[in-house]
């Protein structure tokens, strides 16, 4: 049986304090330190997922100043959301470029028509 560190009297293991002197029978449980805490392992990213073909095509069309980049970008985003493929960032960049080129082309056509009319 354990004994009290203060008065050396035998203690019952269930006691938290010595009944003779009132000293704490057991030391309080230490708080968990960061070294004691073991986080769950982070799963490695699965880089073997294929890249969406429409996302690649859309970004190429966006670089070539084609408004079709927006259409192919939207189709790529829809496919990526259902299939889980990679390529969401290039698809959104292609959508933005496609709309920029669409606005630029519209402005150029309107300017051409109004100046040559």
PDB file of N, CA and C in Angstrom:
ATOM      1  N   UNK A   1       0.830  -1.184   0.000  1.00  0.00           N
ATOM      2  CA  UNK A   1       0.000   0.000   0.000  1.00  0.00           C
ATOM      3  C   UNK A   1       0.877   1.252   0.000  1.00  0.00           C
ATOM      4  N   UNK A   2       0.372   2.286  -0.634  1.00  0.00           N
ATOM      5  CA  UNK A   2       1.154   3.532  -0.624  1.00  0.00           C
ATOM      6  C   UNK A   2       1.089   4.204   0.741  1.00  0.00           C
ATOM      7  N   UNK A   3       2.091   5.015   0.990  1.00  0.00           N
ATOM      8  CA  UNK A   3       2.134   5.741   2.266  1.00  0.00           C
ATOM      9  C   UNK A   3       2.107   7.232   1.989  1.00  0.00           C
ATOM     10  N   UNK A   4       1.708   7.982   2.983  1.00  0.00           N
ATOM     11  CA  UNK A   4       1.654   9.439   2.870  1.00  0.00           C
ATOM     12  C   UNK A   4       3.074   9.994   2.898  1.00  0.00           C
ATOM     13  N   UNK A   5       3.361  10.912   2.026  1.00  0.00           N
ATOM     14  CA  UNK A   5       4.689  11.518   1.979  1.00  0.00           C
ATOM     15  C   UNK A   5       4.888  12.479   3.140  1.00  0.00           C
ATOM     16  N   UNK A   6       3.822  12.933   3.772  1.00  0.00           N
ATOM     17  CA  UNK A   6       3.914  13.911   4.852  1.00  0.00           C
ATOM     18  C   UNK A   6       4.023  13.240   6.226  1.00  0.00           C
ATOM     19  N   UNK A   7       3.145  12.241   6.504  1.00  0.00           N
ATOM     20  CA  UNK A   7       3.138  11.632   7.839  1.00  0.00           C
ATOM     21  C   UNK A   7       3.467  10.149   7.828  1.00  0.00           C
ATOM     22  N   UNK A   8       3.713   9.553   6.698  1.00  0.00           N
ATOM     23  CA  UNK A   8       4.105   8.151   6.527  1.00  0.00           C
ATOM     24  C   UNK A   8       3.029   7.166   6.934  1.00  0.00           C
ATOM     25  N   UNK A   9       1.796   7.579   6.994  1.00  0.00           N
ATOM     26  CA  UNK A   9       0.699   6.684   7.316  1.00  0.00           C
ATOM     27  C   UNK A   9       0.269   5.949   6.050  1.00  0.00           C
ATOM     28  N   UNK A  10      -0.177   4.684   6.184  1.00  0.00           N
ATOM     29  CA  UNK A  10      -0.639   3.925   5.030  1.00  0.00           C
ATOM     30  C   UNK A  10      -1.932   4.507   4.497  1.00  0.00           C
ATOM     31  N   UNK A  11      -1.997   4.554   3.174  1.00  0.00           N
ATOM     32  CA  UNK A  11      -3.164   5.134   2.506  1.00  0.00           C
ATOM     33  C   UNK A  11      -3.860   4.086   1.651  1.00  0.00           C
ATOM     34  N   UNK A  12      -5.152   4.233   1.550  1.00  0.00           N
ATOM     35  CA  UNK A  12      -5.924   3.407   0.624  1.00  0.00           C
ATOM     36  C   UNK A  12      -5.697   3.971  -0.787  1.00  0.00           C
ATOM     37  N   UNK A  13      -5.509   3.124  -1.806  1.00  0.00           N
ATOM     38  CA  UNK A  13      -5.249   3.643  -3.151  1.00  0.00           C
ATOM     39  C   UNK A  13      -6.374   4.519  -3.707  1.00  0.00           C
ATOM     40  N   UNK A  14      -7.593   4.378  -3.190  1.00  0.00           N
ATOM     41  CA  UNK A  14      -8.704   5.181  -3.682  1.00  0.00           C
ATOM     42  C   UNK A  14      -8.719   6.582  -3.075  1.00  0.00           C
ATOM     43  N   UNK A  15      -7.970   6.827  -2.007  1.00  0.00           N
ATOM     44  CA  UNK A  15      -7.975   8.124  -1.342  1.00  0.00           C
ATOM     45  C   UNK A  15      -7.169   9.144  -2.137  1.00  0.00           C
ATOM     46  N   UNK A  16      -7.683  10.349  -2.150  1.00  0.00           N
ATOM     47  CA  UNK A  16      -6.960  11.445  -2.794  1.00  0.00           C
ATOM     48  C   UNK A  16      -6.167  12.253  -1.767  1.00  0.00           C
ATOM     49  N   UNK A  17      -6.619  12.188  -0.488  1.00  0.00           N
ATOM     50  CA  UNK A  17      -5.946  12.931   0.587  1.00  0.00           C
ATOM     51  C   UNK A  17      -5.719  11.988   1.760  1.00  0.00           C
ATOM     52  N   UNK A  18      -4.704  12.260   2.520  1.00  0.00           N
ATOM     53  CA  UNK A  18      -4.416  11.500   3.740  1.00  0.00           C
ATOM     54  C   UNK A  18      -5.454  11.885   4.799  1.00  0.00           C
ATOM     55  N   UNK A  19      -6.046  10.878   5.453  1.00  0.00           N
ATOM     56  CA  UNK A  19      -7.066  11.199   6.460  1.00  0.00           C
ATOM     57  C   UNK A  19      -6.444  11.658   7.771  1.00  0.00           C
ATOM     58  N   UNK A  20      -5.166  11.453   7.965  1.00  0.00           N
ATOM     59  CA  UNK A  20      -4.500  11.854   9.204  1.00  0.00           C
ATOM     60  C   UNK A  20      -4.023  13.300   9.131  1.00  0.00           C
ATOM     61  N   UNK A  21      -3.358  13.664   8.028  1.00  0.00           N
ATOM     62  CA  UNK A  21      -2.765  15.006   7.978  1.00  0.00           C
ATOM     63  C   UNK A  21      -3.388  15.907   6.905  1.00  0.00           C
ATOM     64  N   UNK A  22      -4.158  15.344   5.997  1.00  0.00           N
ATOM     65  CA  UNK A  22      -4.815  16.152   4.971  1.00  0.00           C
ATOM     66  C   UNK A  22      -3.943  16.457   3.760  1.00  0.00           C
ATOM     67  N   UNK A  23      -2.745  15.866   3.725  1.00  0.00           N
ATOM     68  CA  UNK A  23      -1.874  16.100   2.567  1.00  0.00           C
ATOM     69  C   UNK A  23      -2.406  15.341   1.358  1.00  0.00           C
ATOM     70  N   UNK A  24      -2.117  15.863   0.201  1.00  0.00           N
ATOM     71  CA  UNK A  24      -2.560  15.218  -1.028  1.00  0.00           C
ATOM     72  C   UNK A  24      -1.851  13.868  -1.148  1.00  0.00           C
ATOM     73  N   UNK A  25      -2.647  12.808  -1.381  1.00  0.00           N
ATOM     74  CA  UNK A  25      -2.095  11.457  -1.423  1.00  0.00           C
ATOM     75  C   UNK A  25      -1.417  11.167  -2.760  1.00  0.00           C
ATOM     76  N   UNK A  26      -1.990  11.656  -3.820  1.00  0.00           N
ATOM     77  CA  UNK A  26      -1.402  11.412  -5.135  1.00  0.00           C
ATOM     78  C   UNK A  26      -1.153  12.749  -5.808  1.00  0.00           C
ATOM     79  N   UNK A  27      -0.145  12.764  -6.609  1.00  0.00           N
ATOM     80  CA  UNK A  27       0.155  13.983  -7.363  1.00  0.00           C
ATOM     81  C   UNK A  27      -0.897  14.147  -8.449  1.00  0.00           C
ATOM     82  N   UNK A  28      -1.276  15.380  -8.720  1.00  0.00           N
ATOM     83  CA  UNK A  28      -2.260  15.575  -9.781  1.00  0.00           C
ATOM     84  C   UNK A  28      -1.678  15.131 -11.125  1.00  0.00           C
ATOM     85  N   UNK A  29      -2.550  14.649 -11.962  1.00  0.00           N
ATOM     86  CA  UNK A  29      -2.096  14.186 -13.277  1.00  0.00           C
ATOM     87  C   UNK A  29      -1.527  15.373 -14.056  1.00  0.00           C
ATOM     88  N   UNK A  30      -0.367  15.201 -14.630  1.00  0.00           N
ATOM     89  CA  UNK A  30       0.221  16.318 -15.374  1.00  0.00           C
ATOM     90  C   UNK A  30      -0.614  16.648 -16.621  1.00  0.00           C
ATOM     91  N   UNK A  31      -0.601  17.907 -16.940  1.00  0.00           N
ATOM     92  CA  UNK A  31      -1.318  18.326 -18.137  1.00  0.00           C
ATOM     93  C   UNK A  31      -0.588  17.824 -19.365  1.00  0.00           C
ATOM     94  N   UNK A  32      -1.338  17.590 -20.414  1.00  0.00           N
ATOM     95  CA  UNK A  32      -0.733  17.101 -21.653  1.00  0.00           C
ATOM     96  C   UNK A  32       0.115  18.201 -22.272  1.00  0.00           C
ATOM     97  N   UNK A  33       1.331  17.877 -22.566  1.00  0.00           N
ATOM     98  CA  UNK A  33       2.211  18.828 -23.228  1.00  0.00           C
ATOM     99  C   UNK A  33       2.165  18.572 -24.728  1.00  0.00           C
ATOM    100  N   UNK A  34       2.604  19.539 -25.521  1.00  0.00           N
ATOM    101  CA  UNK A  34       2.558  19.325 -26.969  1.00  0.00           C
ATOM    102  C   UNK A  34       3.326  18.087 -27.418  1.00  0.00           C
ATOM    103  N   UNK A  35       4.358  17.696 -26.661  1.00  0.00           N
ATOM    104  CA  UNK A  35       5.108  16.497 -27.046  1.00  0.00           C
ATOM    105  C   UNK A  35       4.275  15.239 -26.818  1.00  0.00           C
ATOM    106  N   UNK A  36       3.358  15.287 -25.826  1.00  0.00           N
ATOM    107  CA  UNK A  36       2.525  14.124 -25.548  1.00  0.00           C
ATOM    108  C   UNK A  36       1.387  13.978 -26.529  1.00  0.00           C
ATOM    109  N   UNK A  37       0.988  15.060 -27.144  1.00  0.00           N
ATOM    110  CA  UNK A  37      -0.140  15.029 -28.060  1.00  0.00           C
ATOM    111  C   UNK A  37       0.354  14.536 -29.412  1.00  0.00           C
ATOM    112  N   UNK A  38      -0.226  13.483 -29.887  1.00  0.00           N
ATOM    113  CA  UNK A  38       0.168  12.926 -31.176  1.00  0.00           C
ATOM    114  C   UNK A  38      -0.980  13.140 -32.167  1.00  0.00           C
ATOM    115  N   UNK A  39      -0.801  14.057 -33.111  1.00  0.00           N
ATOM    116  CA  UNK A  39      -1.881  14.265 -34.077  1.00  0.00           C
ATOM    117  C   UNK A  39      -1.998  13.075 -35.013  1.00  0.00           C
ATOM    118  N   UNK A  40      -3.168  12.957 -35.605  1.00  0.00           N
ATOM    119  CA  UNK A  40      -3.357  11.889 -36.572  1.00  0.00           C
ATOM    120  C   UNK A  40      -2.473  12.173 -37.781  1.00  0.00           C
ATOM    121  N   UNK A  41      -1.927  11.155 -38.374  1.00  0.00           N
ATOM    122  CA  UNK A  41      -1.062  11.401 -39.527  1.00  0.00           C
ATOM    123  C   UNK A  41      -1.852  12.007 -40.681  1.00  0.00           C
ATOM    124  N   UNK A  42      -1.224  12.957 -41.337  1.00  0.00           N
ATOM    125  CA  UNK A  42      -1.861  13.618 -42.472  1.00  0.00           C
ATOM    126  C   UNK A  42      -1.707  12.716 -43.684  1.00  0.00           C
ATOM    127  N   UNK A  43      -2.800  12.397 -44.347  1.00  0.00           N
ATOM    128  CA  UNK A  43      -2.659  11.533 -45.516  1.00  0.00           C
ATOM    129  C   UNK A  43      -1.932  12.251 -46.638  1.00  0.00           C
ATOM    130  N   UNK A  44      -1.124  11.524 -47.340  1.00  0.00           N
ATOM    131  CA  UNK A  44      -0.395  12.095 -48.465  1.00  0.00           C
ATOM    132  C   UNK A  44      -1.377  12.443 -49.578  1.00  0.00           C
ATOM    133  N   UNK A  45      -1.182  13.591 -50.224  1.00  0.00           N
ATOM    134  CA  UNK A  45      -2.091  13.934 -51.310  1.00  0.00           C
ATOM    135  C   UNK A  45      -1.915  12.951 -52.472  1.00  0.00           C
ATOM    136  N   UNK A  46      -3.019  12.597 -53.039  1.00  0.00           N
ATOM    137  CA  UNK A  46      -2.978  11.637 -54.138  1.00  0.00           C
ATOM    138  C   UNK A  46      -2.727  12.401 -55.432  1.00  0.00           C
ATOM    139  N   UNK A  47      -1.475  12.469 -55.831  1.00  0.00           N
ATOM    140  CA  UNK A  47      -1.102  13.202 -57.035  1.00  0.00           C
ATOM    141  C   UNK A  47      -1.287  12.356 -58.294  1.00  0.00           C
ATOM    142  N   UNK A  48      -1.810  11.179 -58.156  1.00  0.00           N
ATOM    143  CA  UNK A  48      -1.998  10.325 -59.317  1.00  0.00           C
ATOM    144  C   UNK A  48      -3.334  10.563 -59.996  1.00  0.00           C
ATOM    145  N   UNK A  49      -4.119  11.485 -59.459  1.00  0.00           N
ATOM    146  CA  UNK A  49      -5.381  11.809 -60.113  1.00  0.00           C
ATOM    147  C   UNK A  49      -5.072  12.480 -61.443  1.00  0.00           C
ATOM    148  N   UNK A  50      -5.795  12.155 -62.479  1.00  0.00           N
ATOM    149  CA  UNK A  50      -5.503  12.763 -63.780  1.00  0.00           C
ATOM    150  C   UNK A  50      -5.953  14.224 -63.829  1.00  0.00           C
ATOM    151  N   UNK A  51      -5.329  14.964 -64.718  1.00  0.00           N
ATOM    152  CA  UNK A  51      -5.699  16.355 -64.942  1.00  0.00           C
ATOM    153  C   UNK A  51      -6.817  16.371 -65.977  1.00  0.00           C
ATOM    154  N   UNK A  52      -7.820  17.188 -65.749  1.00  0.00           N
ATOM    155  CA  UNK A  52      -8.943  17.283 -66.664  1.00  0.00           C
ATOM    156  C   UNK A  52      -8.477  17.848 -68.001  1.00  0.00           C
ATOM    157  N   UNK A  53      -8.809  17.167 -69.066  1.00  0.00           N
ATOM    158  CA  UNK A  53      -8.372  17.555 -70.407  1.00  0.00           C
ATOM    159  C   UNK A  53      -9.012  18.874 -70.824  1.00  0.00           C
ATOM    160  N   UNK A  54     -10.282  19.070 -70.488  1.00  0.00           N
ATOM    161  CA  UNK A  54     -10.943  20.322 -70.859  1.00  0.00           C
ATOM    162  C   UNK A  54     -10.338  21.523 -70.143  1.00  0.00           C
ATOM    163  N   UNK A  55      -9.836  21.332 -68.936  1.00  0.00           N
ATOM    164  CA  UNK A  55      -9.183  22.431 -68.220  1.00  0.00           C
ATOM    165  C   UNK A  55      -7.904  22.839 -68.934  1.00  0.00           C
ATOM    166  N   UNK A  56      -7.150  21.856 -69.403  1.00  0.00           N
ATOM    167  CA  UNK A  56      -5.917  22.156 -70.139  1.00  0.00           C
ATOM    168  C   UNK A  56      -6.256  22.844 -71.456  1.00  0.00           C
ATOM    169  N   UNK A  57      -7.255  22.336 -72.157  1.00  0.00           N
ATOM    170  CA  UNK A  57      -7.670  22.946 -73.423  1.00  0.00           C
ATOM    171  C   UNK A  57      -8.183  24.364 -73.197  1.00  0.00           C
ATOM    172  N   UNK A  58      -8.921  24.564 -72.127  1.00  0.00           N
ATOM    173  CA  UNK A  58      -9.461  25.894 -71.832  1.00  0.00           C
ATOM    174  C   UNK A  58      -8.356  26.897 -71.544  1.00  0.00           C
ATOM    175  N   UNK A  59      -7.338  26.499 -70.796  1.00  0.00           N
ATOM    176  CA  UNK A  59      -6.257  27.438 -70.487  1.00  0.00           C
ATOM    177  C   UNK A  59      -5.442  27.738 -71.740  1.00  0.00           C
ATOM    178  N   UNK A  60      -5.300  26.775 -72.633  1.00  0.00           N
ATOM    179  CA  UNK A  60      -4.610  27.030 -73.902  1.00  0.00           C
ATOM    180  C   UNK A  60      -5.412  28.010 -74.745  1.00  0.00           C
ATOM    181  N   UNK A  61      -6.724  27.818 -74.810  1.00  0.00           N
ATOM    182  CA  UNK A  61      -7.569  28.755 -75.562  1.00  0.00           C
ATOM    183  C   UNK A  61      -7.546  30.148 -74.937  1.00  0.00           C
ATOM    184  N   UNK A  62      -7.472  30.215 -73.621  1.00  0.00           N
ATOM    185  CA  UNK A  62      -7.376  31.510 -72.953  1.00  0.00           C
ATOM    186  C   UNK A  62      -6.083  32.217 -73.298  1.00  0.00           C
ATOM    187  N   UNK A  63      -4.996  31.458 -73.414  1.00  0.00           N
ATOM    188  CA  UNK A  63      -3.709  32.051 -73.787  1.00  0.00           C
ATOM    189  C   UNK A  63      -3.697  32.486 -75.243  1.00  0.00           C
ATOM    190  N   UNK A  64      -4.509  31.852 -76.065  1.00  0.00           N
ATOM    191  CA  UNK A  64      -4.589  32.206 -77.488  1.00  0.00           C
ATOM    192  C   UNK A  64      -5.638  33.275 -77.771  1.00  0.00           C
ATOM    193  N   UNK A  65      -6.153  33.917 -76.746  1.00  0.00           N
ATOM    194  CA  UNK A  65      -7.116  35.013 -76.860  1.00  0.00           C
ATOM    195  C   UNK A  65      -8.423  34.562 -77.500  1.00  0.00           C
ATOM    196  N   UNK A  66      -8.933  33.439 -77.094  1.00  0.00           N
ATOM    197  CA  UNK A  66     -10.197  32.943 -77.629  1.00  0.00           C
ATOM    198  C   UNK A  66     -11.283  33.024 -76.566  1.00  0.00           C
ATOM    199  N   UNK A  67     -12.446  33.586 -76.921  1.00  0.00           N
ATOM    200  CA  UNK A  67     -13.552  33.619 -75.967  1.00  0.00           C
ATOM    201  C   UNK A  67     -14.110  32.229 -75.649  1.00  0.00           C
ATOM    202  N   UNK A  68     -13.767  31.236 -76.458  1.00  0.00           N
ATOM    203  CA  UNK A  68     -14.224  29.873 -76.178  1.00  0.00           C
ATOM    204  C   UNK A  68     -13.609  29.312 -74.896  1.00  0.00           C
ATOM    205  N   UNK A  69     -12.585  29.969 -74.369  1.00  0.00           N
ATOM    206  CA  UNK A  69     -11.966  29.534 -73.118  1.00  0.00           C
ATOM    207  C   UNK A  69     -12.985  29.541 -71.982  1.00  0.00           C
ATOM    208  N   UNK A  70     -13.904  30.500 -71.991  1.00  0.00           N
ATOM    209  CA  UNK A  70     -14.930  30.554 -70.938  1.00  0.00           C
ATOM    210  C   UNK A  70     -15.846  29.342 -71.009  1.00  0.00           C
ATOM    211  N   UNK A  71     -16.257  28.974 -72.214  1.00  0.00           N
ATOM    212  CA  UNK A  71     -17.134  27.815 -72.384  1.00  0.00           C
ATOM    213  C   UNK A  71     -16.441  26.543 -71.932  1.00  0.00           C
ATOM    214  N   UNK A  72     -15.229  26.304 -72.421  1.00  0.00           N
ATOM    215  CA  UNK A  72     -14.508  25.095 -72.045  1.00  0.00           C
ATOM    216  C   UNK A  72     -14.141  25.101 -70.556  1.00  0.00           C
ATOM    217  N   UNK A  73     -13.885  26.282 -69.996  1.00  0.00           N
ATOM    218  CA  UNK A  73     -13.599  26.373 -68.564  1.00  0.00           C
ATOM    219  C   UNK A  73     -14.795  25.974 -67.719  1.00  0.00           C
ATOM    220  N   UNK A  74     -15.990  26.441 -68.106  1.00  0.00           N
ATOM    221  CA  UNK A  74     -17.201  26.062 -67.373  1.00  0.00           C
ATOM    222  C   UNK A  74     -17.458  24.562 -67.486  1.00  0.00           C
ATOM    223  N   UNK A  75     -17.259  24.003 -68.657  1.00  0.00           N
ATOM    224  CA  UNK A  75     -17.434  22.556 -68.818  1.00  0.00           C
ATOM    225  C   UNK A  75     -16.424  21.782 -67.974  1.00  0.00           C
ATOM    226  N   UNK A  76     -15.197  22.290 -67.908  1.00  0.00           N
ATOM    227  CA  UNK A  76     -14.162  21.629 -67.103  1.00  0.00           C
ATOM    228  C   UNK A  76     -14.501  21.669 -65.620  1.00  0.00           C
ATOM    229  N   UNK A  77     -14.999  22.808 -65.136  1.00  0.00           N
ATOM    230  CA  UNK A  77     -15.374  22.908 -63.717  1.00  0.00           C
ATOM    231  C   UNK A  77     -16.484  21.920 -63.386  1.00  0.00           C
ATOM    232  N   UNK A  78     -17.449  21.787 -64.281  1.00  0.00           N
ATOM    233  CA  UNK A  78     -18.539  20.836 -64.047  1.00  0.00           C
ATOM    234  C   UNK A  78     -18.013  19.398 -64.010  1.00  0.00           C
ATOM    235  N   UNK A  79     -17.109  19.067 -64.924  1.00  0.00           N
ATOM    236  CA  UNK A  79     -16.544  17.714 -64.928  1.00  0.00           C
ATOM    237  C   UNK A  79     -15.685  17.450 -63.697  1.00  0.00           C
ATOM    238  N   UNK A  80     -14.891  18.439 -63.301  1.00  0.00           N
ATOM    239  CA  UNK A  80     -14.000  18.267 -62.150  1.00  0.00           C
ATOM    240  C   UNK A  80     -14.805  18.071 -60.866  1.00  0.00           C
ATOM    241  N   UNK A  81     -15.916  18.786 -60.742  1.00  0.00           N
ATOM    242  CA  UNK A  81     -16.714  18.664 -59.511  1.00  0.00           C
ATOM    243  C   UNK A  81     -17.348  17.284 -59.391  1.00  0.00           C
ATOM    244  N   UNK A  82     -17.595  16.611 -60.498  1.00  0.00           N
ATOM    245  CA  UNK A  82     -18.187  15.272 -60.416  1.00  0.00           C
ATOM    246  C   UNK A  82     -17.150  14.164 -60.419  1.00  0.00           C
ATOM    247  N   UNK A  83     -16.034  14.367 -61.114  1.00  0.00           N
ATOM    248  CA  UNK A  83     -15.056  13.280 -61.249  1.00  0.00           C
ATOM    249  C   UNK A  83     -13.926  13.352 -60.227  1.00  0.00           C
ATOM    250  N   UNK A  84     -13.663  14.519 -59.648  1.00  0.00           N
ATOM    251  CA  UNK A  84     -12.580  14.657 -58.677  1.00  0.00           C
ATOM    252  C   UNK A  84     -11.212  14.782 -59.318  1.00  0.00           C
ATOM    253  N   UNK A  85     -11.161  15.101 -60.594  1.00  0.00           N
ATOM    254  CA  UNK A  85      -9.873  15.265 -61.256  1.00  0.00           C
ATOM    255  C   UNK A  85      -9.207  16.559 -60.807  1.00  0.00           C
ATOM    256  N   UNK A  86      -7.944  16.713 -61.174  1.00  0.00           N
ATOM    257  CA  UNK A  86      -7.228  17.950 -60.881  1.00  0.00           C
ATOM    258  C   UNK A  86      -7.482  18.940 -62.001  1.00  0.00           C
ATOM    259  N   UNK A  87      -7.167  20.230 -61.740  1.00  0.00           N
ATOM    260  CA  UNK A  87      -7.268  21.240 -62.783  1.00  0.00           C
ATOM    261  C   UNK A  87      -8.313  22.310 -62.529  1.00  0.00           C
ATOM    262  N   UNK A  88      -8.767  22.445 -61.298  1.00  0.00           N
ATOM    263  CA  UNK A  88      -9.804  23.446 -61.013  1.00  0.00           C
ATOM    264  C   UNK A  88      -9.276  24.869 -61.165  1.00  0.00           C
ATOM    265  N   UNK A  89      -8.034  25.119 -60.768  1.00  0.00           N
ATOM    266  CA  UNK A  89      -7.472  26.467 -60.862  1.00  0.00           C
ATOM    267  C   UNK A  89      -7.280  26.886 -62.317  1.00  0.00           C
ATOM    268  N   UNK A  90      -6.673  26.045 -63.173  1.00  0.00           N
ATOM    269  CA  UNK A  90      -6.583  26.454 -64.583  1.00  0.00           C
ATOM    270  C   UNK A  90      -7.947  26.651 -65.236  1.00  0.00           C
ATOM    271  N   UNK A  91      -8.931  25.871 -64.819  1.00  0.00           N
ATOM    272  CA  UNK A  91     -10.275  26.033 -65.388  1.00  0.00           C
ATOM    273  C   UNK A  91     -10.845  27.403 -65.033  1.00  0.00           C
ATOM    274  N   UNK A  92     -10.699  27.830 -63.777  1.00  0.00           N
ATOM    275  CA  UNK A  92     -11.223  29.142 -63.389  1.00  0.00           C
ATOM    276  C   UNK A  92     -10.431  30.282 -64.029  1.00  0.00           C
ATOM    277  N   UNK A  93      -9.134  30.092 -64.186  1.00  0.00           N
ATOM    278  CA  UNK A  93      -8.335  31.114 -64.877  1.00  0.00           C
ATOM    279  C   UNK A  93      -8.778  31.214 -66.326  1.00  0.00           C
ATOM    280  N   UNK A  94      -9.050  30.083 -66.954  1.00  0.00           N
ATOM    281  CA  UNK A  94      -9.518  30.085 -68.341  1.00  0.00           C
ATOM    282  C   UNK A  94     -10.883  30.759 -68.461  1.00  0.00           C
ATOM    283  N   UNK A  95     -11.738  30.562 -67.480  1.00  0.00           N
ATOM    284  CA  UNK A  95     -13.046  31.235 -67.504  1.00  0.00           C
ATOM    285  C   UNK A  95     -12.858  32.742 -67.466  1.00  0.00           C
ATOM    286  N   UNK A  96     -12.011  33.222 -66.581  1.00  0.00           N
ATOM    287  CA  UNK A  96     -11.761  34.668 -66.486  1.00  0.00           C
ATOM    288  C   UNK A  96     -11.161  35.195 -67.777  1.00  0.00           C
ATOM    289  N   UNK A  97     -10.168  34.493 -68.322  1.00  0.00           N
ATOM    290  CA  UNK A  97      -9.562  34.939 -69.579  1.00  0.00           C
ATOM    291  C   UNK A  97     -10.575  34.917 -70.723  1.00  0.00           C
ATOM    292  N   UNK A  98     -11.408  33.896 -70.754  1.00  0.00           N
ATOM    293  CA  UNK A  98     -12.422  33.805 -71.805  1.00  0.00           C
ATOM    294  C   UNK A  98     -13.375  34.992 -71.787  1.00  0.00           C
ATOM    295  N   UNK A  99     -13.820  35.385 -70.594  1.00  0.00           N
ATOM    296  CA  UNK A  99     -14.717  36.540 -70.506  1.00  0.00           C
ATOM    297  C   UNK A  99     -13.997  37.845 -70.838  1.00  0.00           C
ATOM    298  N   UNK A 100     -12.721  37.947 -70.447  1.00  0.00           N
ATOM    299  CA  UNK A 100     -11.951  39.152 -70.808  1.00  0.00           C
ATOM    300  C   UNK A 100     -11.836  39.253 -72.319  1.00  0.00           C
ATOM    301  N   UNK A 101     -11.496  38.133 -72.969  1.00  0.00           N
ATOM    302  CA  UNK A 101     -11.377  38.162 -74.425  1.00  0.00           C
ATOM    303  C   UNK A 101     -12.729  38.397 -75.088  1.00  0.00           C
ATOM    304  N   UNK A 102     -13.808  37.892 -74.525  1.00  0.00           N
ATOM    305  CA  UNK A 102     -15.138  38.124 -75.079  1.00  0.00           C
ATOM    306  C   UNK A 102     -15.500  39.596 -75.026  1.00  0.00           C
ATOM    307  N   UNK A 103     -15.228  40.246 -73.905  1.00  0.00           N
ATOM    308  CA  UNK A 103     -15.509  41.680 -73.781  1.00  0.00           C
ATOM    309  C   UNK A 103     -14.626  42.473 -74.743  1.00  0.00           C
ATOM    310  N   UNK A 104     -13.348  42.114 -74.823  1.00  0.00           N
ATOM    311  CA  UNK A 104     -12.439  42.834 -75.728  1.00  0.00           C
ATOM    312  C   UNK A 104     -12.871  42.667 -77.172  1.00  0.00           C
ATOM    313  N   UNK A 105     -13.251  41.486 -77.563  1.00  0.00           N
ATOM    314  CA  UNK A 105     -13.703  41.248 -78.931  1.00  0.00           C
ATOM    315  C   UNK A 105     -14.989  42.000 -79.221  1.00  0.00           C
ATOM    316  N   UNK A 106     -15.901  42.024 -78.261  1.00  0.00           N
ATOM    317  CA  UNK A 106     -17.158  42.761 -78.443  1.00  0.00           C
ATOM    318  C   UNK A 106     -16.892  44.250 -78.614  1.00  0.00           C
ATOM    319  N   UNK A 107     -16.003  44.797 -77.794  1.00  0.00           N
ATOM    320  CA  UNK A 107     -15.664  46.223 -77.910  1.00  0.00           C
ATOM    321  C   UNK A 107     -15.027  46.512 -79.266  1.00  0.00           C
ATOM    322  N   UNK A 108     -14.133  45.651 -79.734  1.00  0.00           N
ATOM    323  CA  UNK A 108     -13.492  45.843 -81.034  1.00  0.00           C
ATOM    324  C   UNK A 108     -14.494  45.762 -82.180  1.00  0.00           C
ATOM    325  N   UNK A 109     -15.427  44.830 -82.132  1.00  0.00           N
ATOM    326  CA  UNK A 109     -16.432  44.706 -83.185  1.00  0.00           C
ATOM    327  C   UNK A 109     -17.346  45.916 -83.186  1.00  0.00           C
ATOM    328  N   UNK A 110     -17.776  46.372 -82.029  1.00  0.00           N
ATOM    329  CA  UNK A 110     -18.636  47.551 -81.956  1.00  0.00           C
ATOM    330  C   UNK A 110     -17.896  48.775 -82.444  1.00  0.00           C
ATOM    331  N   UNK A 111     -16.637  48.923 -82.078  1.00  0.00           N
ATOM    332  CA  UNK A 111     -15.845  50.074 -82.537  1.00  0.00           C
ATOM    333  C   UNK A 111     -15.654  50.017 -84.043  1.00  0.00           C
ATOM    334  N   UNK A 112     -15.423  48.844 -84.596  1.00  0.00           N
ATOM    335  CA  UNK A 112     -15.242  48.713 -86.029  1.00  0.00           C
ATOM    336  C   UNK A 112     -16.524  49.034 -86.782  1.00  0.00           C
ATOM    337  N   UNK A 113     -17.644  48.538 -86.307  1.00  0.00           N
ATOM    338  CA  UNK A 113     -18.925  48.760 -86.980  1.00  0.00           C
ATOM    339  C   UNK A 113     -19.323  50.233 -86.911  1.00  0.00           C
ATOM    340  N   UNK A 114     -19.111  50.878 -85.785  1.00  0.00           N
ATOM    341  CA  UNK A 114     -19.533  52.273 -85.667  1.00  0.00           C
ATOM    342  C   UNK A 114     -18.609  53.219 -86.418  1.00  0.00           C
ATOM    343  N   UNK A 115     -17.352  52.917 -86.546  1.00  0.00           N
ATOM    344  CA  UNK A 115     -16.459  53.807 -87.267  1.00  0.00           C
ATOM    345  C   UNK A 115     -16.535  53.641 -88.782  1.00  0.00           C
ATOM    346  N   UNK A 116     -16.947  52.491 -89.268  1.00  0.00           N
ATOM    347  CA  UNK A 116     -17.022  52.240 -90.696  1.00  0.00           C
ATOM    348  C   UNK A 116     -18.446  52.320 -91.227  1.00  0.00           C
ATOM    349  N   UNK A 117     -19.378  52.767 -90.446  1.00  0.00           N
ATOM    350  CA  UNK A 117     -20.758  52.816 -90.887  1.00  0.00           C
ATOM    351  C   UNK A 117     -21.080  54.043 -91.684  1.00  0.00           C
TER     352      UNK A 117
END
